[in-house]
Amino acid sequence: MTATQVVALRELSDPITAREPATRMVCEPSNVTYVLDRLEGQGMIERRPHPTDRRAKQLVLTPVGRRYRADVLARLKRPLPARPAQPRPAGVPARAAPGAHRVTRREPARAPLSPENGARAESGGLSRRVRVRRPPRRGAVRR
């Protein structure tokens, strides 16, 4: 089951039309139709005729869908497990800010371009000239 299907199940509490989950999920109705087709194929929902609008269909949770929705809602309410503490790399003081070890492991800065490094000073540090090719103008004769 995808995350979008879980969100759609969360929104299907009462019998509703397909446009309502699209509005609640802030996405296009065509995207919701695809998700609802998948849920219907899995036996989670049924499409029934709307009692007052002949053009619309009502989305109703099946017993399997109700059980799965209850399980999903229970899991969403559970707190996330705590991440285990990561050991501090050698050389990073105990009072360092979180993530400071990432800064210390970066590559050293490259030396600036200079004639000693093999760059040509007259080209602005580039060793060769780069020619930009532009598309021809409309009506221009190509040579």
N, C-alpha and C. Protein backbone atom coordinates (compact mmCIF):
# COMPACT_ATOMS: atom_id res chain seq x y z
N MET A 1 0.84 -1.17 0.00
CA MET A 1 0.00 0.00 0.00
C MET A 1 0.89 1.24 0.00
N THR A 2 0.56 2.18 -0.87
CA THR A 2 1.36 3.40 -0.98
C THR A 2 0.91 4.43 0.05
N ALA A 3 1.73 5.46 0.24
CA ALA A 3 1.40 6.53 1.19
C ALA A 3 0.14 7.26 0.75
N THR A 4 -0.05 7.45 -0.54
CA THR A 4 -1.24 8.13 -1.04
C THR A 4 -2.48 7.31 -0.76
N GLN A 5 -2.38 5.99 -0.88
CA GLN A 5 -3.52 5.14 -0.57
C GLN A 5 -3.86 5.21 0.92
N VAL A 6 -2.85 5.30 1.76
CA VAL A 6 -3.08 5.43 3.21
C VAL A 6 -3.80 6.74 3.50
N VAL A 7 -3.37 7.82 2.86
CA VAL A 7 -4.02 9.12 3.06
C VAL A 7 -5.47 9.06 2.58
N ALA A 8 -5.70 8.42 1.45
CA ALA A 8 -7.07 8.29 0.93
C ALA A 8 -7.93 7.48 1.90
N LEU A 9 -7.40 6.40 2.44
CA LEU A 9 -8.15 5.60 3.42
C LEU A 9 -8.48 6.42 4.66
N ARG A 10 -7.52 7.23 5.08
CA ARG A 10 -7.74 8.08 6.26
C ARG A 10 -8.91 9.03 6.03
N GLU A 11 -9.05 9.51 4.80
CA GLU A 11 -10.11 10.48 4.48
C GLU A 11 -11.48 9.83 4.26
N LEU A 12 -11.53 8.52 4.07
CA LEU A 12 -12.79 7.83 3.77
C LEU A 12 -13.47 7.34 5.05
N SER A 13 -14.05 8.23 5.81
CA SER A 13 -14.73 7.80 7.03
C SER A 13 -16.20 7.50 6.74
N ASP A 14 -16.86 8.40 6.07
CA ASP A 14 -18.27 8.24 5.71
C ASP A 14 -18.38 8.03 4.21
N PRO A 15 -19.53 7.58 3.73
CA PRO A 15 -19.70 7.52 2.27
C PRO A 15 -19.59 8.92 1.67
N ILE A 16 -18.65 9.08 0.75
CA ILE A 16 -18.42 10.38 0.12
C ILE A 16 -18.21 10.17 -1.38
N THR A 17 -18.26 11.27 -2.13
CA THR A 17 -17.99 11.19 -3.57
C THR A 17 -16.49 11.26 -3.80
N ALA A 18 -16.06 10.99 -5.02
CA ALA A 18 -14.64 10.97 -5.34
C ALA A 18 -14.02 12.36 -5.32
N ARG A 19 -14.83 13.39 -5.50
CA ARG A 19 -14.28 14.75 -5.48
C ARG A 19 -13.86 15.19 -4.08
N GLU A 20 -14.55 14.70 -3.08
CA GLU A 20 -14.25 15.12 -1.71
C GLU A 20 -12.85 14.71 -1.25
N PRO A 21 -12.41 13.45 -1.48
CA PRO A 21 -11.03 13.14 -1.09
C PRO A 21 -10.01 13.96 -1.88
N ALA A 22 -10.33 14.28 -3.12
CA ALA A 22 -9.40 15.10 -3.92
C ALA A 22 -9.23 16.47 -3.28
N THR A 23 -10.32 17.04 -2.81
CA THR A 23 -10.25 18.35 -2.15
C THR A 23 -9.50 18.24 -0.84
N ARG A 24 -9.78 17.20 -0.07
CA ARG A 24 -9.12 17.03 1.23
C ARG A 24 -7.63 16.71 1.08
N MET A 25 -7.28 15.96 0.05
CA MET A 25 -5.89 15.57 -0.17
C MET A 25 -5.11 16.61 -0.96
N VAL A 26 -5.79 17.66 -1.43
CA VAL A 26 -5.21 18.74 -2.21
C VAL A 26 -4.49 18.17 -3.43
N CYS A 27 -5.22 17.46 -4.27
CA CYS A 27 -4.67 16.95 -5.51
C CYS A 27 -5.77 16.87 -6.55
N GLU A 28 -5.40 16.55 -7.77
CA GLU A 28 -6.33 16.50 -8.87
C GLU A 28 -7.27 15.30 -8.74
N PRO A 29 -8.54 15.45 -9.15
CA PRO A 29 -9.47 14.32 -9.10
C PRO A 29 -9.00 13.11 -9.91
N SER A 30 -8.28 13.35 -11.01
CA SER A 30 -7.81 12.22 -11.82
C SER A 30 -6.79 11.38 -11.04
N ASN A 31 -5.96 12.03 -10.21
CA ASN A 31 -5.01 11.28 -9.38
C ASN A 31 -5.74 10.44 -8.34
N VAL A 32 -6.78 11.03 -7.75
CA VAL A 32 -7.54 10.32 -6.74
C VAL A 32 -8.28 9.14 -7.37
N THR A 33 -8.75 9.31 -8.60
CA THR A 33 -9.43 8.21 -9.29
C THR A 33 -8.49 7.01 -9.42
N TYR A 34 -7.25 7.27 -9.77
CA TYR A 34 -6.27 6.18 -9.89
C TYR A 34 -6.07 5.48 -8.55
N VAL A 35 -5.92 6.27 -7.48
CA VAL A 35 -5.73 5.70 -6.15
C VAL A 35 -6.96 4.90 -5.73
N LEU A 36 -8.15 5.44 -6.00
CA LEU A 36 -9.38 4.74 -5.63
C LEU A 36 -9.55 3.46 -6.44
N ASP A 37 -9.13 3.47 -7.70
CA ASP A 37 -9.18 2.23 -8.50
C ASP A 37 -8.32 1.15 -7.85
N ARG A 38 -7.16 1.54 -7.37
CA ARG A 38 -6.27 0.58 -6.71
C ARG A 38 -6.89 0.05 -5.42
N LEU A 39 -7.48 0.96 -4.63
CA LEU A 39 -8.13 0.54 -3.38
C LEU A 39 -9.31 -0.38 -3.66
N GLU A 40 -10.05 -0.08 -4.72
CA GLU A 40 -11.19 -0.94 -5.09
C GLU A 40 -10.69 -2.31 -5.53
N GLY A 41 -9.61 -2.34 -6.26
CA GLY A 41 -9.02 -3.61 -6.69
C GLY A 41 -8.53 -4.45 -5.52
N GLN A 42 -8.14 -3.80 -4.43
CA GLN A 42 -7.68 -4.51 -3.25
C GLN A 42 -8.82 -4.89 -2.31
N GLY A 43 -10.05 -4.50 -2.68
CA GLY A 43 -11.21 -4.84 -1.87
C GLY A 43 -11.41 -3.94 -0.66
N MET A 44 -10.80 -2.76 -0.66
CA MET A 44 -10.91 -1.84 0.48
C MET A 44 -12.15 -0.96 0.40
N ILE A 45 -12.55 -0.60 -0.84
CA ILE A 45 -13.72 0.27 -1.01
C ILE A 45 -14.62 -0.29 -2.10
N GLU A 46 -15.86 0.22 -2.10
CA GLU A 46 -16.83 -0.08 -3.17
C GLU A 46 -17.35 1.25 -3.70
N ARG A 47 -17.69 1.25 -4.96
CA ARG A 47 -18.36 2.41 -5.56
C ARG A 47 -19.83 2.05 -5.70
N ARG A 48 -20.67 2.89 -5.13
CA ARG A 48 -22.12 2.67 -5.19
C ARG A 48 -22.78 3.89 -5.80
N PRO A 49 -23.96 3.70 -6.39
CA PRO A 49 -24.67 4.88 -6.94
C PRO A 49 -25.01 5.88 -5.82
N HIS A 50 -24.85 7.16 -6.14
CA HIS A 50 -25.19 8.21 -5.18
C HIS A 50 -26.70 8.28 -5.05
N PRO A 51 -27.26 8.45 -3.84
CA PRO A 51 -28.72 8.44 -3.69
C PRO A 51 -29.43 9.63 -4.33
N THR A 52 -28.76 10.79 -4.44
CA THR A 52 -29.44 11.97 -4.99
C THR A 52 -28.85 12.45 -6.31
N ASP A 53 -27.60 12.15 -6.60
CA ASP A 53 -26.94 12.63 -7.82
C ASP A 53 -26.65 11.43 -8.72
N ARG A 54 -27.36 11.36 -9.84
CA ARG A 54 -27.20 10.20 -10.73
C ARG A 54 -25.83 10.16 -11.39
N ARG A 55 -25.15 11.31 -11.49
CA ARG A 55 -23.85 11.34 -12.16
C ARG A 55 -22.73 10.86 -11.25
N ALA A 56 -22.90 10.98 -9.95
CA ALA A 56 -21.81 10.69 -9.00
C ALA A 56 -21.94 9.28 -8.43
N LYS A 57 -20.81 8.80 -7.92
CA LYS A 57 -20.76 7.53 -7.20
C LYS A 57 -20.31 7.81 -5.78
N GLN A 58 -20.84 7.02 -4.85
CA GLN A 58 -20.40 7.12 -3.47
C GLN A 58 -19.30 6.11 -3.21
N LEU A 59 -18.32 6.51 -2.44
CA LEU A 59 -17.24 5.61 -2.03
C LEU A 59 -17.55 5.12 -0.63
N VAL A 60 -17.62 3.80 -0.49
CA VAL A 60 -17.97 3.21 0.79
C VAL A 60 -16.89 2.20 1.16
N LEU A 61 -16.44 2.25 2.41
CA LEU A 61 -15.46 1.28 2.89
C LEU A 61 -16.11 -0.09 3.04
N THR A 62 -15.41 -1.11 2.62
CA THR A 62 -15.85 -2.49 2.85
C THR A 62 -15.44 -2.88 4.27
N PRO A 63 -15.91 -4.01 4.78
CA PRO A 63 -15.45 -4.45 6.11
C PRO A 63 -13.92 -4.59 6.18
N VAL A 64 -13.31 -5.10 5.10
CA VAL A 64 -11.84 -5.20 5.07
C VAL A 64 -11.23 -3.81 5.11
N GLY A 65 -11.80 -2.89 4.38
CA GLY A 65 -11.30 -1.52 4.36
C GLY A 65 -11.44 -0.84 5.70
N ARG A 66 -12.57 -1.09 6.41
CA ARG A 66 -12.75 -0.51 7.74
C ARG A 66 -11.70 -1.02 8.72
N ARG A 67 -11.42 -2.33 8.67
CA ARG A 67 -10.41 -2.89 9.56
C ARG A 67 -9.03 -2.31 9.24
N TYR A 68 -8.72 -2.23 7.95
CA TYR A 68 -7.41 -1.71 7.54
C TYR A 68 -7.29 -0.23 7.91
N ARG A 69 -8.38 0.54 7.75
CA ARG A 69 -8.37 1.95 8.10
C ARG A 69 -8.14 2.13 9.59
N ALA A 70 -8.80 1.32 10.41
CA ALA A 70 -8.61 1.40 11.86
C ALA A 70 -7.16 1.10 12.22
N ASP A 71 -6.58 0.10 11.57
CA ASP A 71 -5.18 -0.25 11.82
C ASP A 71 -4.26 0.90 11.42
N VAL A 72 -4.53 1.50 10.27
CA VAL A 72 -3.71 2.62 9.79
C VAL A 72 -3.80 3.79 10.76
N LEU A 73 -5.01 4.13 11.20
CA LEU A 73 -5.17 5.26 12.12
C LEU A 73 -4.47 4.98 13.45
N ALA A 74 -4.52 3.73 13.92
CA ALA A 74 -3.82 3.39 15.16
C ALA A 74 -2.31 3.54 14.98
N ARG A 75 -1.81 3.12 13.84
CA ARG A 75 -0.37 3.23 13.59
C ARG A 75 0.07 4.68 13.45
N LEU A 76 -0.79 5.51 12.85
CA LEU A 76 -0.43 6.91 12.70
C LEU A 76 -0.40 7.64 14.03
N LYS A 77 -1.17 7.17 15.00
CA LYS A 77 -1.20 7.83 16.32
C LYS A 77 -0.03 7.40 17.20
N ARG A 78 0.58 6.27 16.89
CA ARG A 78 1.72 5.79 17.69
C ARG A 78 2.92 6.70 17.51
N PRO A 79 3.67 6.95 18.59
CA PRO A 79 4.88 7.76 18.43
C PRO A 79 5.95 6.97 17.66
N LEU A 80 6.78 7.68 16.96
CA LEU A 80 7.86 7.05 16.23
C LEU A 80 8.90 6.51 17.20
N PRO A 81 9.53 5.38 16.87
CA PRO A 81 10.58 4.86 17.77
C PRO A 81 11.76 5.83 17.79
N ALA A 82 12.41 5.89 18.95
CA ALA A 82 13.56 6.78 19.10
C ALA A 82 14.73 6.24 18.28
N ARG A 83 15.44 7.14 17.66
CA ARG A 83 16.63 6.73 16.90
C ARG A 83 17.76 6.46 17.86
N PRO A 84 18.51 5.40 17.64
CA PRO A 84 19.64 5.13 18.54
C PRO A 84 20.70 6.22 18.41
N ALA A 85 21.33 6.52 19.53
CA ALA A 85 22.37 7.55 19.52
C ALA A 85 23.56 7.06 18.69
N GLN A 86 24.07 7.94 17.87
CA GLN A 86 25.20 7.58 17.03
C GLN A 86 26.49 7.94 17.77
N PRO A 87 27.49 7.08 17.69
CA PRO A 87 28.74 7.39 18.39
C PRO A 87 29.41 8.62 17.78
N ARG A 88 30.04 9.39 18.65
CA ARG A 88 30.71 10.60 18.19
C ARG A 88 32.06 10.21 17.59
N PRO A 89 32.38 10.71 16.39
CA PRO A 89 33.67 10.39 15.78
C PRO A 89 34.83 10.93 16.63
N ALA A 90 35.95 10.29 16.51
CA ALA A 90 37.14 10.71 17.25
C ALA A 90 37.51 12.13 16.83
N GLY A 91 37.90 12.93 17.79
CA GLY A 91 38.34 14.29 17.50
C GLY A 91 37.24 15.32 17.60
N VAL A 92 35.98 14.90 17.80
CA VAL A 92 34.89 15.85 17.94
C VAL A 92 34.62 16.00 19.44
N PRO A 93 34.73 17.23 19.98
CA PRO A 93 34.53 17.41 21.42
C PRO A 93 33.09 17.09 21.83
N ALA A 94 32.90 16.74 23.09
CA ALA A 94 31.59 16.34 23.61
C ALA A 94 30.59 17.48 23.54
N ARG A 95 31.05 18.73 23.62
CA ARG A 95 30.13 19.86 23.61
C ARG A 95 29.89 20.41 22.21
N ALA A 96 30.35 19.70 21.18
CA ALA A 96 30.17 20.18 19.81
C ALA A 96 28.69 20.14 19.44
N ALA A 97 28.32 21.02 18.55
CA ALA A 97 26.93 21.06 18.10
C ALA A 97 26.60 19.79 17.32
N PRO A 98 25.33 19.36 17.36
CA PRO A 98 24.96 18.18 16.58
C PRO A 98 25.29 18.39 15.11
N GLY A 99 25.87 17.41 14.49
CA GLY A 99 26.23 17.51 13.09
C GLY A 99 27.60 18.13 12.85
N ALA A 100 28.29 18.51 13.92
CA ALA A 100 29.60 19.15 13.75
C ALA A 100 30.61 18.19 13.14
N HIS A 101 30.46 16.88 13.40
CA HIS A 101 31.41 15.93 12.83
C HIS A 101 31.32 15.89 11.32
N ARG A 102 30.15 16.25 10.76
CA ARG A 102 30.03 16.28 9.30
C ARG A 102 30.89 17.40 8.71
N VAL A 103 30.97 18.50 9.43
CA VAL A 103 31.76 19.63 8.95
C VAL A 103 33.23 19.26 8.97
N THR A 104 33.67 18.54 9.98
CA THR A 104 35.09 18.22 10.08
C THR A 104 35.52 17.18 9.07
N ARG A 105 34.58 16.42 8.49
CA ARG A 105 34.95 15.38 7.54
C ARG A 105 34.88 15.83 6.09
N ARG A 106 34.59 17.10 5.83
CA ARG A 106 34.51 17.58 4.46
C ARG A 106 35.89 17.61 3.81
N GLU A 107 35.88 17.60 2.49
CA GLU A 107 37.14 17.69 1.76
C GLU A 107 37.76 19.06 1.98
N PRO A 108 39.08 19.13 1.97
CA PRO A 108 39.71 20.44 2.11
C PRO A 108 39.40 21.28 0.86
N ALA A 109 39.36 22.58 1.07
CA ALA A 109 39.06 23.47 -0.05
C ALA A 109 40.15 23.37 -1.10
N ARG A 110 39.76 23.50 -2.36
CA ARG A 110 40.73 23.45 -3.45
C ARG A 110 41.54 24.74 -3.47
N ALA A 111 42.74 24.60 -3.93
CA ALA A 111 43.61 25.77 -4.04
C ALA A 111 43.07 26.68 -5.14
N PRO A 112 43.17 28.00 -4.97
CA PRO A 112 42.68 28.90 -6.02
C PRO A 112 43.48 28.72 -7.31
N LEU A 113 42.84 29.03 -8.42
CA LEU A 113 43.50 28.90 -9.71
C LEU A 113 44.61 29.95 -9.83
N SER A 114 45.75 29.50 -10.20
CA SER A 114 46.89 30.41 -10.39
C SER A 114 47.82 29.78 -11.40
N PRO A 115 48.77 30.56 -11.96
CA PRO A 115 49.71 29.99 -12.93
C PRO A 115 50.52 28.83 -12.35
N GLU A 116 50.75 28.84 -11.03
CA GLU A 116 51.50 27.74 -10.42
C GLU A 116 50.71 26.43 -10.47
N ASN A 117 49.37 26.54 -10.47
CA ASN A 117 48.51 25.34 -10.51
C ASN A 117 48.28 24.85 -11.93
N GLY A 118 48.80 25.57 -12.91
CA GLY A 118 48.63 25.14 -14.29
C GLY A 118 47.55 25.90 -15.04
N ALA A 119 46.93 26.89 -14.41
CA ALA A 119 45.89 27.66 -15.10
C ALA A 119 46.53 28.85 -15.80
N ARG A 120 45.94 29.25 -16.92
CA ARG A 120 46.46 30.41 -17.64
C ARG A 120 45.77 31.65 -17.12
N ALA A 121 46.55 32.63 -16.72
CA ALA A 121 45.99 33.85 -16.13
C ALA A 121 45.19 34.65 -17.14
N GLU A 122 45.61 34.68 -18.41
CA GLU A 122 44.91 35.52 -19.39
C GLU A 122 43.53 34.98 -19.75
N SER A 123 43.25 33.70 -19.49
CA SER A 123 41.94 33.16 -19.84
C SER A 123 41.00 33.15 -18.64
N GLY A 124 41.38 33.79 -17.57
CA GLY A 124 40.51 33.85 -16.41
C GLY A 124 40.43 32.52 -15.68
N GLY A 125 41.47 31.69 -15.77
CA GLY A 125 41.49 30.42 -15.08
C GLY A 125 41.03 29.26 -15.92
N LEU A 126 40.50 29.51 -17.09
CA LEU A 126 40.07 28.42 -17.97
C LEU A 126 41.22 28.03 -18.88
N SER A 127 41.41 26.76 -19.08
CA SER A 127 42.53 26.32 -19.90
C SER A 127 42.18 26.31 -21.38
N ARG A 128 40.90 26.42 -21.74
CA ARG A 128 40.53 26.48 -23.15
C ARG A 128 39.29 27.35 -23.31
N ARG A 129 39.08 27.80 -24.50
CA ARG A 129 37.95 28.67 -24.78
C ARG A 129 36.73 27.82 -25.08
N VAL A 130 35.60 28.18 -24.49
CA VAL A 130 34.36 27.45 -24.70
C VAL A 130 33.48 28.30 -25.60
N ARG A 131 33.02 27.72 -26.70
CA ARG A 131 32.18 28.44 -27.64
C ARG A 131 30.73 28.00 -27.44
N VAL A 132 29.86 28.97 -27.21
CA VAL A 132 28.45 28.69 -27.03
C VAL A 132 27.77 28.77 -28.38
N ARG A 133 27.11 27.73 -28.76
CA ARG A 133 26.41 27.72 -30.05
C ARG A 133 24.94 28.05 -29.81
N ARG A 134 24.49 29.11 -30.45
CA ARG A 134 23.10 29.54 -30.29
C ARG A 134 22.29 29.07 -31.48
N PRO A 135 20.99 28.85 -31.28
CA PRO A 135 20.15 28.45 -32.40
C PRO A 135 20.02 29.61 -33.39
N PRO A 136 19.86 29.31 -34.67
CA PRO A 136 19.74 30.39 -35.66
C PRO A 136 18.45 31.18 -35.46
N ARG A 137 18.49 32.46 -35.85
CA ARG A 137 17.31 33.28 -35.78
C ARG A 137 16.31 32.86 -36.83
N ARG A 138 15.06 33.13 -36.58
CA ARG A 138 14.04 32.76 -37.56
C ARG A 138 14.26 33.53 -38.84
N GLY A 139 14.20 32.84 -39.94
CA GLY A 139 14.37 33.47 -41.24
C GLY A 139 15.82 33.65 -41.66
N ALA A 140 16.74 33.31 -40.77
CA ALA A 140 18.15 33.47 -41.11
C ALA A 140 18.61 32.29 -41.97
N VAL A 141 19.52 32.56 -42.87
CA VAL A 141 20.06 31.51 -43.74
C VAL A 141 21.17 30.80 -42.99
N ARG A 142 21.10 29.52 -42.94
CA ARG A 142 22.10 28.74 -42.24
C ARG A 142 23.30 28.51 -43.15
N ARG A 143 24.48 28.72 -42.66
CA ARG A 143 25.68 28.52 -43.46
C ARG A 143 26.32 27.22 -43.21
